[in-house]
Amino acid sequence: MKRLLIVAHAPSPNTLRLRDAAERGARHPDIEDVEVVVKPPLEAGPEDVLACDAILLGTTENLGYMSGALKDFFDRSYYPVLEEKQGLPCALYVRAGHDGTGTRRAVESIVTGLRWKWVQEPVLLRGEWQDDFVDRVEELGLYLAAGLDGGIL
């Protein structure tokens, strides 16, 4: 069985809705052979990354950068997983009050250093809250899990 790790910062009710949506999509009833593990960044670590077959990252935009919690996750995990997890399929969603480009760039820079493989363009959820943000993140979770389940990733 493949394992999808979702590491998402959810400091508000709406960002919690996004993390729940990612998990709901990944646990779609048609997906049979994927175990889904969901952890906040401060609880996830290198052992979780080493045990997964793909990772979905979620963060808020904080002063044009990723959340401190996601940065902490990367700080603790970077070197312990660097050699063993090259090519790890990954995806990202960003809840951005503004445009999210600085946040995206920061995460992309770390992912490039880790040599992980983007399997979908990062999803930037910009501006005022919109209910379709939930659907977009649920689709992202579904596509990532379906790719694992179908042997595409």
N, C-alpha and C. Protein backbone atom coordinates (compact mmCIF):
# COMPACT_ATOMS: atom_id res chain seq x y z
N MET A 1 0.84 -1.18 0.00
CA MET A 1 0.00 0.00 0.00
C MET A 1 0.89 1.24 0.00
N LYS A 2 0.53 2.23 -0.82
CA LYS A 2 1.27 3.49 -0.89
C LYS A 2 0.80 4.40 0.23
N ARG A 3 1.64 5.35 0.61
CA ARG A 3 1.30 6.28 1.68
C ARG A 3 1.44 7.72 1.18
N LEU A 4 0.34 8.47 1.34
CA LEU A 4 0.34 9.90 1.05
C LEU A 4 0.40 10.65 2.37
N LEU A 5 1.38 11.52 2.50
CA LEU A 5 1.53 12.36 3.68
C LEU A 5 1.02 13.75 3.36
N ILE A 6 0.09 14.24 4.17
CA ILE A 6 -0.40 15.61 4.05
C ILE A 6 0.14 16.39 5.24
N VAL A 7 0.96 17.39 4.96
CA VAL A 7 1.52 18.26 6.00
C VAL A 7 0.97 19.65 5.73
N ALA A 8 0.04 20.09 6.56
CA ALA A 8 -0.64 21.34 6.29
C ALA A 8 -0.86 22.15 7.56
N HIS A 9 -0.50 23.42 7.48
CA HIS A 9 -0.70 24.35 8.58
C HIS A 9 -2.13 24.86 8.54
N ALA A 10 -2.84 24.76 9.64
CA ALA A 10 -4.26 25.13 9.68
C ALA A 10 -4.57 25.93 10.95
N PRO A 11 -4.15 27.20 10.98
CA PRO A 11 -4.35 28.00 12.20
C PRO A 11 -5.72 28.63 12.36
N SER A 12 -6.60 28.48 11.36
CA SER A 12 -7.91 29.12 11.43
C SER A 12 -8.99 28.12 10.98
N PRO A 13 -10.24 28.43 11.25
CA PRO A 13 -11.31 27.53 10.80
C PRO A 13 -11.30 27.30 9.28
N ASN A 14 -11.02 28.34 8.50
CA ASN A 14 -11.01 28.16 7.05
C ASN A 14 -9.82 27.33 6.58
N THR A 15 -8.65 27.52 7.17
CA THR A 15 -7.51 26.70 6.76
C THR A 15 -7.68 25.26 7.24
N LEU A 16 -8.39 25.07 8.33
CA LEU A 16 -8.72 23.71 8.76
C LEU A 16 -9.67 23.06 7.75
N ARG A 17 -10.59 23.85 7.21
CA ARG A 17 -11.47 23.33 6.16
C ARG A 17 -10.65 22.88 4.94
N LEU A 18 -9.59 23.62 4.63
CA LEU A 18 -8.74 23.24 3.50
C LEU A 18 -8.01 21.93 3.77
N ARG A 19 -7.44 21.83 4.97
CA ARG A 19 -6.73 20.58 5.31
C ARG A 19 -7.69 19.39 5.30
N ASP A 20 -8.89 19.58 5.85
CA ASP A 20 -9.89 18.51 5.83
C ASP A 20 -10.29 18.16 4.40
N ALA A 21 -10.37 19.15 3.53
CA ALA A 21 -10.72 18.91 2.13
C ALA A 21 -9.64 18.10 1.42
N ALA A 22 -8.38 18.42 1.68
CA ALA A 22 -7.28 17.65 1.09
C ALA A 22 -7.38 16.19 1.52
N GLU A 23 -7.65 15.96 2.79
CA GLU A 23 -7.78 14.60 3.30
C GLU A 23 -9.00 13.90 2.70
N ARG A 24 -10.11 14.60 2.61
CA ARG A 24 -11.33 14.02 2.04
C ARG A 24 -11.10 13.60 0.59
N GLY A 25 -10.43 14.45 -0.19
CA GLY A 25 -10.12 14.10 -1.57
C GLY A 25 -9.21 12.89 -1.65
N ALA A 26 -8.21 12.85 -0.79
CA ALA A 26 -7.25 11.73 -0.81
C ALA A 26 -7.90 10.43 -0.37
N ARG A 27 -8.95 10.51 0.43
CA ARG A 27 -9.64 9.31 0.92
C ARG A 27 -10.88 8.97 0.09
N HIS A 28 -10.94 9.48 -1.12
CA HIS A 28 -12.08 9.20 -2.00
C HIS A 28 -12.34 7.69 -2.05
N PRO A 29 -13.60 7.27 -2.03
CA PRO A 29 -13.92 5.84 -1.98
C PRO A 29 -13.37 5.02 -3.15
N ASP A 30 -13.10 5.65 -4.28
CA ASP A 30 -12.56 4.91 -5.43
C ASP A 30 -11.07 4.62 -5.30
N ILE A 31 -10.42 5.25 -4.34
CA ILE A 31 -8.98 5.03 -4.13
C ILE A 31 -8.83 3.94 -3.09
N GLU A 32 -8.21 2.85 -3.50
CA GLU A 32 -8.20 1.64 -2.66
C GLU A 32 -6.87 1.36 -1.96
N ASP A 33 -5.76 1.68 -2.59
CA ASP A 33 -4.47 1.24 -2.07
C ASP A 33 -3.57 2.39 -1.63
N VAL A 34 -4.16 3.41 -1.03
CA VAL A 34 -3.38 4.54 -0.53
C VAL A 34 -3.77 4.81 0.92
N GLU A 35 -2.79 4.75 1.78
CA GLU A 35 -2.97 5.15 3.18
C GLU A 35 -2.70 6.65 3.26
N VAL A 36 -3.57 7.38 3.93
CA VAL A 36 -3.43 8.82 4.05
C VAL A 36 -3.06 9.16 5.49
N VAL A 37 -1.98 9.91 5.65
CA VAL A 37 -1.53 10.36 6.96
C VAL A 37 -1.55 11.89 6.94
N VAL A 38 -2.24 12.48 7.90
CA VAL A 38 -2.36 13.94 7.97
C VAL A 38 -1.72 14.42 9.26
N LYS A 39 -0.80 15.37 9.13
CA LYS A 39 -0.14 15.92 10.31
C LYS A 39 0.07 17.42 10.15
N PRO A 40 -0.07 18.16 11.26
CA PRO A 40 0.34 19.55 11.22
C PRO A 40 1.88 19.60 11.12
N PRO A 41 2.42 20.66 10.56
CA PRO A 41 3.88 20.71 10.36
C PRO A 41 4.70 20.54 11.64
N LEU A 42 4.21 21.05 12.76
CA LEU A 42 4.99 20.94 13.99
C LEU A 42 4.99 19.52 14.56
N GLU A 43 4.11 18.65 14.07
CA GLU A 43 4.08 17.25 14.51
C GLU A 43 4.70 16.31 13.49
N ALA A 44 4.88 16.76 12.28
CA ALA A 44 5.47 15.92 11.22
C ALA A 44 6.99 16.06 11.26
N GLY A 45 7.66 15.01 10.84
CA GLY A 45 9.12 15.06 10.84
C GLY A 45 9.71 14.17 9.77
N PRO A 46 11.02 14.04 9.79
CA PRO A 46 11.70 13.27 8.76
C PRO A 46 11.24 11.82 8.68
N GLU A 47 10.89 11.22 9.81
CA GLU A 47 10.43 9.84 9.79
C GLU A 47 9.14 9.69 8.99
N ASP A 48 8.30 10.71 9.01
CA ASP A 48 7.06 10.69 8.22
C ASP A 48 7.37 10.80 6.73
N VAL A 49 8.31 11.66 6.38
CA VAL A 49 8.69 11.81 4.98
C VAL A 49 9.34 10.53 4.47
N LEU A 50 10.20 9.94 5.26
CA LEU A 50 10.88 8.71 4.85
C LEU A 50 9.89 7.57 4.63
N ALA A 51 8.75 7.61 5.32
CA ALA A 51 7.76 6.53 5.22
C ALA A 51 6.70 6.78 4.15
N CYS A 52 6.75 7.92 3.46
CA CYS A 52 5.69 8.22 2.50
C CYS A 52 6.15 8.03 1.06
N ASP A 53 5.15 7.95 0.18
CA ASP A 53 5.41 7.79 -1.26
C ASP A 53 5.08 9.06 -2.04
N ALA A 54 4.41 10.01 -1.40
CA ALA A 54 4.11 11.32 -1.97
C ALA A 54 3.73 12.23 -0.81
N ILE A 55 3.86 13.55 -1.05
CA ILE A 55 3.57 14.51 0.01
C ILE A 55 2.76 15.68 -0.56
N LEU A 56 1.77 16.09 0.20
CA LEU A 56 0.97 17.27 -0.12
C LEU A 56 1.22 18.28 0.98
N LEU A 57 1.70 19.45 0.61
CA LEU A 57 2.03 20.51 1.55
C LEU A 57 0.96 21.59 1.49
N GLY A 58 0.58 22.11 2.65
CA GLY A 58 -0.37 23.21 2.71
C GLY A 58 0.14 24.26 3.67
N THR A 59 0.05 25.52 3.27
CA THR A 59 0.54 26.59 4.13
C THR A 59 -0.27 27.86 3.93
N THR A 60 -0.20 28.71 4.92
CA THR A 60 -0.71 30.06 4.79
C THR A 60 0.41 30.95 4.28
N GLU A 61 0.04 32.08 3.75
CA GLU A 61 1.01 33.11 3.37
C GLU A 61 1.20 34.00 4.59
N ASN A 62 2.41 34.06 5.09
CA ASN A 62 2.72 34.89 6.28
C ASN A 62 3.79 35.90 5.90
N LEU A 63 3.40 37.14 5.77
CA LEU A 63 4.34 38.22 5.40
C LEU A 63 5.09 37.87 4.12
N GLY A 64 4.39 37.31 3.15
CA GLY A 64 4.99 36.96 1.87
C GLY A 64 5.85 35.71 1.90
N TYR A 65 5.70 34.91 2.94
CA TYR A 65 6.52 33.71 3.11
C TYR A 65 5.62 32.58 3.59
N MET A 66 6.15 31.36 3.64
CA MET A 66 5.40 30.23 4.17
C MET A 66 5.22 30.39 5.68
N SER A 67 4.32 29.62 6.24
CA SER A 67 4.13 29.67 7.70
C SER A 67 5.41 29.24 8.41
N GLY A 68 5.61 29.79 9.58
CA GLY A 68 6.76 29.39 10.38
C GLY A 68 6.74 27.92 10.72
N ALA A 69 5.52 27.37 10.88
CA ALA A 69 5.40 25.94 11.18
C ALA A 69 5.89 25.08 10.03
N LEU A 70 5.56 25.44 8.78
CA LEU A 70 6.04 24.66 7.63
C LEU A 70 7.55 24.82 7.47
N LYS A 71 8.05 26.03 7.71
CA LYS A 71 9.50 26.26 7.64
C LYS A 71 10.21 25.41 8.69
N ASP A 72 9.63 25.32 9.89
CA ASP A 72 10.21 24.47 10.93
C ASP A 72 10.24 23.00 10.49
N PHE A 73 9.16 22.54 9.86
CA PHE A 73 9.12 21.17 9.33
C PHE A 73 10.27 20.94 8.36
N PHE A 74 10.47 21.88 7.43
CA PHE A 74 11.57 21.74 6.46
C PHE A 74 12.92 21.78 7.16
N ASP A 75 13.08 22.68 8.14
CA ASP A 75 14.35 22.77 8.87
C ASP A 75 14.71 21.45 9.54
N ARG A 76 13.73 20.78 10.13
CA ARG A 76 13.99 19.53 10.83
C ARG A 76 14.12 18.33 9.90
N SER A 77 13.54 18.43 8.71
CA SER A 77 13.47 17.27 7.82
C SER A 77 14.47 17.30 6.68
N TYR A 78 14.96 18.46 6.31
CA TYR A 78 15.75 18.62 5.09
C TYR A 78 16.90 17.61 4.98
N TYR A 79 17.86 17.71 5.86
CA TYR A 79 19.05 16.85 5.73
C TYR A 79 18.77 15.37 6.00
N PRO A 80 17.91 15.03 6.95
CA PRO A 80 17.64 13.60 7.16
C PRO A 80 16.97 12.90 5.97
N VAL A 81 16.29 13.66 5.09
CA VAL A 81 15.61 13.00 3.96
C VAL A 81 16.27 13.30 2.62
N LEU A 82 17.24 14.19 2.60
CA LEU A 82 17.81 14.70 1.36
C LEU A 82 18.23 13.62 0.37
N GLU A 83 18.99 12.67 0.80
CA GLU A 83 19.50 11.66 -0.12
C GLU A 83 18.48 10.59 -0.45
N GLU A 84 17.70 10.18 0.53
CA GLU A 84 16.82 9.03 0.37
C GLU A 84 15.51 9.34 -0.36
N LYS A 85 15.05 10.59 -0.33
CA LYS A 85 13.73 10.89 -0.88
C LYS A 85 13.78 11.76 -2.14
N GLN A 86 14.89 11.76 -2.85
CA GLN A 86 14.94 12.48 -4.12
C GLN A 86 13.90 11.90 -5.06
N GLY A 87 13.21 12.77 -5.78
CA GLY A 87 12.16 12.33 -6.70
C GLY A 87 10.81 12.14 -6.05
N LEU A 88 10.67 12.46 -4.75
CA LEU A 88 9.39 12.30 -4.06
C LEU A 88 8.33 13.16 -4.73
N PRO A 89 7.21 12.57 -5.17
CA PRO A 89 6.14 13.36 -5.77
C PRO A 89 5.54 14.31 -4.72
N CYS A 90 5.35 15.57 -5.12
CA CYS A 90 4.81 16.54 -4.17
C CYS A 90 3.87 17.52 -4.86
N ALA A 91 3.04 18.14 -4.04
CA ALA A 91 2.12 19.18 -4.48
C ALA A 91 1.97 20.17 -3.33
N LEU A 92 1.42 21.34 -3.64
CA LEU A 92 1.34 22.43 -2.66
C LEU A 92 0.06 23.23 -2.87
N TYR A 93 -0.55 23.62 -1.75
CA TYR A 93 -1.57 24.67 -1.81
C TYR A 93 -1.19 25.76 -0.83
N VAL A 94 -1.49 27.00 -1.22
CA VAL A 94 -1.17 28.17 -0.41
C VAL A 94 -2.44 28.99 -0.21
N ARG A 95 -2.80 29.23 1.04
CA ARG A 95 -3.90 30.15 1.34
C ARG A 95 -3.28 31.52 1.51
N ALA A 96 -3.45 32.36 0.48
CA ALA A 96 -2.77 33.64 0.41
C ALA A 96 -3.75 34.79 0.51
N GLY A 97 -3.58 35.63 1.49
CA GLY A 97 -4.41 36.81 1.60
C GLY A 97 -4.10 37.82 0.50
N HIS A 98 -2.89 37.75 -0.03
CA HIS A 98 -2.49 38.65 -1.12
C HIS A 98 -2.28 37.81 -2.38
N ASP A 99 -1.05 37.75 -2.88
CA ASP A 99 -0.88 37.01 -4.15
C ASP A 99 -0.17 35.67 -4.01
N GLY A 100 0.52 35.41 -2.91
CA GLY A 100 1.10 34.09 -2.67
C GLY A 100 2.38 33.77 -3.41
N THR A 101 2.86 34.68 -4.25
CA THR A 101 4.03 34.32 -5.06
C THR A 101 5.30 34.16 -4.23
N GLY A 102 5.46 34.98 -3.21
CA GLY A 102 6.64 34.84 -2.35
C GLY A 102 6.62 33.52 -1.60
N THR A 103 5.45 33.14 -1.14
CA THR A 103 5.29 31.87 -0.43
C THR A 103 5.60 30.71 -1.37
N ARG A 104 5.02 30.77 -2.56
CA ARG A 104 5.26 29.72 -3.55
C ARG A 104 6.75 29.60 -3.87
N ARG A 105 7.39 30.74 -4.12
CA ARG A 105 8.82 30.75 -4.46
C ARG A 105 9.65 30.15 -3.33
N ALA A 106 9.32 30.48 -2.08
CA ALA A 106 10.09 29.96 -0.94
C ALA A 106 9.97 28.44 -0.85
N VAL A 107 8.76 27.92 -0.99
CA VAL A 107 8.57 26.47 -0.93
C VAL A 107 9.23 25.80 -2.14
N GLU A 108 9.07 26.38 -3.31
CA GLU A 108 9.69 25.81 -4.50
C GLU A 108 11.20 25.74 -4.37
N SER A 109 11.80 26.74 -3.75
CA SER A 109 13.26 26.75 -3.56
C SER A 109 13.70 25.57 -2.69
N ILE A 110 12.99 25.32 -1.61
CA ILE A 110 13.33 24.20 -0.73
C ILE A 110 13.09 22.87 -1.43
N VAL A 111 11.97 22.75 -2.12
CA VAL A 111 11.63 21.51 -2.83
C VAL A 111 12.66 21.23 -3.93
N THR A 112 13.13 22.27 -4.60
CA THR A 112 14.18 22.10 -5.61
C THR A 112 15.45 21.56 -4.96
N GLY A 113 15.81 22.10 -3.81
CA GLY A 113 16.99 21.60 -3.10
C GLY A 113 16.84 20.15 -2.68
N LEU A 114 15.64 19.77 -2.31
CA LEU A 114 15.38 18.38 -1.92
C LEU A 114 15.30 17.44 -3.12
N ARG A 115 15.17 18.04 -4.30
CA ARG A 115 15.03 17.28 -5.56
C ARG A 115 13.73 16.47 -5.59
N TRP A 116 12.67 17.03 -4.97
CA TRP A 116 11.36 16.40 -5.06
C TRP A 116 10.77 16.74 -6.41
N LYS A 117 9.75 16.03 -6.81
CA LYS A 117 9.17 16.18 -8.14
C LYS A 117 7.76 16.77 -8.04
N TRP A 118 7.56 17.94 -8.63
CA TRP A 118 6.23 18.54 -8.66
C TRP A 118 5.35 17.71 -9.59
N VAL A 119 4.19 17.31 -9.12
CA VAL A 119 3.27 16.54 -9.95
C VAL A 119 2.08 17.38 -10.39
N GLN A 120 1.97 18.57 -9.85
CA GLN A 120 0.93 19.51 -10.26
C GLN A 120 1.39 20.91 -9.88
N GLU A 121 0.95 21.88 -10.65
CA GLU A 121 1.25 23.28 -10.32
C GLU A 121 0.71 23.60 -8.92
N PRO A 122 1.45 24.37 -8.13
CA PRO A 122 0.92 24.78 -6.84
C PRO A 122 -0.42 25.50 -6.98
N VAL A 123 -1.32 25.25 -6.06
CA VAL A 123 -2.64 25.88 -6.05
C VAL A 123 -2.56 27.09 -5.12
N LEU A 124 -2.73 28.28 -5.70
CA LEU A 124 -2.70 29.52 -4.92
C LEU A 124 -4.14 29.99 -4.73
N LEU A 125 -4.54 30.08 -3.48
CA LEU A 125 -5.90 30.48 -3.11
C LEU A 125 -5.82 31.92 -2.62
N ARG A 126 -6.00 32.85 -3.56
CA ARG A 126 -5.69 34.26 -3.33
C ARG A 126 -6.89 35.09 -2.89
N GLY A 127 -6.59 36.12 -2.09
CA GLY A 127 -7.58 37.13 -1.77
C GLY A 127 -8.57 36.72 -0.70
N GLU A 128 -9.74 37.35 -0.75
CA GLU A 128 -10.79 37.04 0.22
C GLU A 128 -11.21 35.59 0.10
N TRP A 129 -11.66 35.02 1.21
CA TRP A 129 -12.10 33.62 1.24
C TRP A 129 -13.21 33.38 0.21
N GLN A 130 -13.06 32.26 -0.51
CA GLN A 130 -14.10 31.82 -1.46
C GLN A 130 -14.36 30.35 -1.18
N ASP A 131 -15.62 29.97 -1.19
CA ASP A 131 -15.97 28.58 -0.88
C ASP A 131 -15.38 27.60 -1.88
N ASP A 132 -15.10 28.03 -3.12
CA ASP A 132 -14.52 27.10 -4.10
C ASP A 132 -13.07 26.74 -3.76
N PHE A 133 -12.44 27.45 -2.82
CA PHE A 133 -11.10 27.06 -2.36
C PHE A 133 -11.13 25.62 -1.85
N VAL A 134 -12.18 25.28 -1.13
CA VAL A 134 -12.31 23.94 -0.56
C VAL A 134 -12.34 22.89 -1.67
N ASP A 135 -13.11 23.15 -2.72
CA ASP A 135 -13.20 22.21 -3.84
C ASP A 135 -11.86 22.04 -4.55
N ARG A 136 -11.14 23.14 -4.71
CA ARG A 136 -9.84 23.08 -5.39
C ARG A 136 -8.83 22.25 -4.60
N VAL A 137 -8.83 22.39 -3.29
CA VAL A 137 -7.90 21.61 -2.47
C VAL A 137 -8.34 20.15 -2.39
N GLU A 138 -9.63 19.90 -2.34
CA GLU A 138 -10.12 18.52 -2.35
C GLU A 138 -9.70 17.82 -3.64
N GLU A 139 -9.80 18.52 -4.77
CA GLU A 139 -9.35 17.96 -6.05
C GLU A 139 -7.86 17.66 -6.02
N LEU A 140 -7.09 18.55 -5.44
CA LEU A 140 -5.64 18.35 -5.36
C LEU A 140 -5.33 17.07 -4.58
N GLY A 141 -5.98 16.88 -3.43
CA GLY A 141 -5.79 15.66 -2.65
C GLY A 141 -6.21 14.43 -3.42
N LEU A 142 -7.33 14.52 -4.13
CA LEU A 142 -7.82 13.40 -4.93
C LEU A 142 -6.84 13.05 -6.04
N TYR A 143 -6.37 14.03 -6.78
CA TYR A 143 -5.47 13.76 -7.90
C TYR A 143 -4.15 13.14 -7.43
N LEU A 144 -3.63 13.63 -6.33
CA LEU A 144 -2.38 13.09 -5.83
C LEU A 144 -2.56 11.64 -5.38
N ALA A 145 -3.62 11.37 -4.64
CA ALA A 145 -3.88 10.00 -4.19
C ALA A 145 -4.20 9.08 -5.38
N ALA A 146 -4.96 9.58 -6.34
CA ALA A 146 -5.30 8.76 -7.51
C ALA A 146 -4.05 8.42 -8.31
N GLY A 147 -3.13 9.37 -8.41
CA GLY A 147 -1.87 9.10 -9.11
C GLY A 147 -1.06 8.00 -8.42
N LEU A 148 -1.05 8.04 -7.10
CA LEU A 148 -0.37 6.98 -6.33
C LEU A 148 -1.09 5.65 -6.52
N ASP A 149 -2.41 5.68 -6.41
CA ASP A 149 -3.22 4.46 -6.51
C ASP A 149 -3.09 3.82 -7.89
N GLY A 150 -3.00 4.67 -8.92
CA GLY A 150 -2.92 4.14 -10.27
C GLY A 150 -1.50 3.81 -10.73
N GLY A 151 -0.52 4.04 -9.86
CA GLY A 151 0.84 3.72 -10.22
C GLY A 151 1.49 4.74 -11.15
N ILE A 152 0.87 5.91 -11.29
CA ILE A 152 1.40 6.95 -12.18
C ILE A 152 2.53 7.71 -11.49
N LEU A 153 2.44 7.84 -10.19
CA LEU A 153 3.47 8.60 -9.44
C LEU A 153 4.49 7.67 -8.83
